[in-house]
Amino acid sequence: MKRIAYLVIALSLVAVSASAQDESQEEKGFKKENLFTGGSVTVSFFNGQTILGANPMFGYKLADWVDAGIVFNYVYSSTKDYIQYDDKLRQSVYGPGVFTRLYPISFLFVQAQYEQNFSTVKYILAPGSTSYTASKNNENAGSLLLGGGFASGRQPGSTSFFYISLLFDVLKNENSPYVDVSYNPSNPSAKPRVDMVPIVRAGVNIGLFQGRYR
């Protein structure tokens, strides 16, 4: 599944790059004013789960309708009632990723982002519990985030604007920080149920080497 995700992103980047180069022969070549930085914050509250994070990024505008780049991810998550009532699971997650955004309309976009996240997972027992044991583990998981969003202030020729997006981790790895994992209390050894959690990200693109909007 992880290899498929890498292949999807790689093929997408190659395709949009080739399309952008063919779009206008007179504008071929690297342009430093197409570079941008910025990032987003992540906030999600769902079924006893809290997710808070930051995602600094660095990218390049391949064409007026497509951006691509790299991102670094840090996420803290906390889940209550993970296996039994009043226990907790806490994660600190970090890792790199790549993304592509397509703009069918100047202010709307669809996004694909692959992340490889490494995490420290700490399980905290419920007060007085003797059924389980506390633990601390290091895990890793690939996440393929798909979704879309709204870009406010985006104009042709500029890469500076604000945006908000809604994404879902379609790989649903149980070690992902973007899923809700439910265990059966009567059968803890059974395979857990893994549900996608809606991820809301609000952030800003900051154009580099640009003056005012053109």
Foldseek 3Di string as FASTA:
>chain_A
DLVVLVVVVVVVVVVLLVVLCVPDVVPDDDDQQQKWWKWKWKFFDDDQKTKTWIKTWIWGDSFLFKIKTKIKIWMWMKGACAQHHGKMKIKTKIWMKMKMWGHPDNFKIKMKMKTKMKMKMWIGDHPPDPPDDTDIDIDIDMFIKTWMWTWPPGDPPHFKTKIKIKIKGPVQDVPDSQWRWHADNVCRVDHIDIGGGIIMIIMIIGGPPDDDGD
